[in-house]
């Protein structure tokens, strides 16, 4: 059971949210800095990656902190950074 359905996109211009993966849980905050864990019980939000047609949000992983964040107004804003 996922909290949010997301589609991965290759280009930031196609994304609703650009995300940077961080190396520790303590660095993860807000919607755009994610620490990815393997077990649901360790997660704050469970994301299911699916096709664009089934997704609630389009995500692009980026390497630069300055590129992170929401690219438009979205109803899920604030849901990832609980």
Protein backbone atom coordinates (compact mmCIF):
# COMPACT_ATOMS: atom_id res chain seq x y z
CA UNK A 1 0.00 0.00 0.00
CA UNK A 2 1.44 3.30 -1.12
CA UNK A 3 0.60 6.78 0.09
CA UNK A 4 1.35 8.38 -3.29
CA UNK A 5 1.65 7.11 -6.88
CA UNK A 6 4.50 8.70 -8.85
CA UNK A 7 5.90 8.46 -12.37
CA UNK A 8 9.60 8.94 -13.04
CA UNK A 9 10.53 11.36 -15.81
CA UNK A 10 13.96 11.97 -17.32
CA UNK A 11 13.92 15.75 -17.69
CA UNK A 12 13.23 18.35 -15.00
CA UNK A 13 11.02 20.27 -17.41
CA UNK A 14 8.58 17.33 -17.50
CA UNK A 15 8.41 16.97 -13.70
CA UNK A 16 6.01 18.33 -11.13
CA UNK A 17 8.68 17.83 -8.46
CA UNK A 18 12.47 17.58 -8.79
CA UNK A 19 14.06 15.55 -6.02
CA UNK A 20 17.61 15.05 -4.77
CA UNK A 21 18.48 11.85 -2.94
CA UNK A 22 20.44 12.42 0.27
CA UNK A 23 22.77 10.01 2.06
CA UNK A 24 21.21 10.08 5.52
CA UNK A 25 17.78 10.39 7.09
CA UNK A 26 18.84 13.55 8.92
CA UNK A 27 19.46 15.40 5.65
CA UNK A 28 16.00 14.60 4.28
CA UNK A 29 13.46 17.37 4.72
CA UNK A 30 10.75 19.24 2.87
CA UNK A 31 9.37 17.65 -0.29
CA UNK A 32 12.51 17.73 -2.41
CA UNK A 33 15.26 16.04 -0.36
CA UNK A 34 14.61 12.32 -0.02
CA UNK A 35 16.28 9.56 1.92
CA UNK A 36 15.13 6.30 0.37
CA UNK A 37 14.80 3.31 2.69
CA UNK A 38 13.89 -0.30 1.99
CA UNK A 39 11.29 -0.96 4.68
CA UNK A 40 7.89 0.72 4.87
CA UNK A 41 7.99 0.92 8.65
CA UNK A 42 11.09 3.14 8.37
CA UNK A 43 9.47 5.53 5.88
CA UNK A 44 7.43 8.66 6.47
CA UNK A 45 5.78 8.36 3.06
CA UNK A 46 5.52 5.29 0.83
CA UNK A 47 5.77 6.07 -2.90
CA UNK A 48 4.74 3.61 -5.60
CA UNK A 49 6.43 4.27 -8.93
CA UNK A 50 4.08 3.58 -11.82
CA UNK A 51 3.22 4.76 -15.34
CA UNK A 52 2.37 8.39 -16.06
CA UNK A 53 -1.24 7.47 -16.67
CA UNK A 54 -1.69 6.12 -13.15
CA UNK A 55 0.54 8.64 -11.36
CA UNK A 56 -0.58 11.48 -9.12
CA UNK A 57 2.75 13.29 -9.54
CA UNK A 58 5.73 13.25 -11.93
CA UNK A 59 9.15 13.03 -10.25
CA UNK A 60 12.61 13.76 -11.69
CA UNK A 61 15.71 12.88 -9.67
CA UNK A 62 18.38 15.58 -10.01
CA UNK A 63 21.99 15.90 -8.81
CA UNK A 64 22.00 19.60 -7.98
CA UNK A 65 20.34 21.09 -4.89
CA UNK A 66 19.47 24.26 -6.80
CA UNK A 67 17.26 22.28 -9.19
CA UNK A 68 15.10 20.71 -6.47
CA UNK A 69 11.55 21.66 -5.61
CA UNK A 70 8.09 21.94 -7.06
CA UNK A 71 7.90 23.23 -10.61
CA UNK A 72 4.24 24.23 -10.42
CA UNK A 73 1.35 24.43 -7.97
CA UNK A 74 0.33 20.93 -7.02
CA UNK A 75 -2.20 19.45 -4.61
CA UNK A 76 0.46 17.14 -3.11
CA UNK A 77 2.73 20.00 -2.07
CA UNK A 78 3.79 19.40 1.54
CA UNK A 79 2.87 15.69 1.53
CA UNK A 80 6.39 14.27 1.11
CA UNK A 81 8.13 16.22 3.85
CA UNK A 82 5.99 15.16 6.79
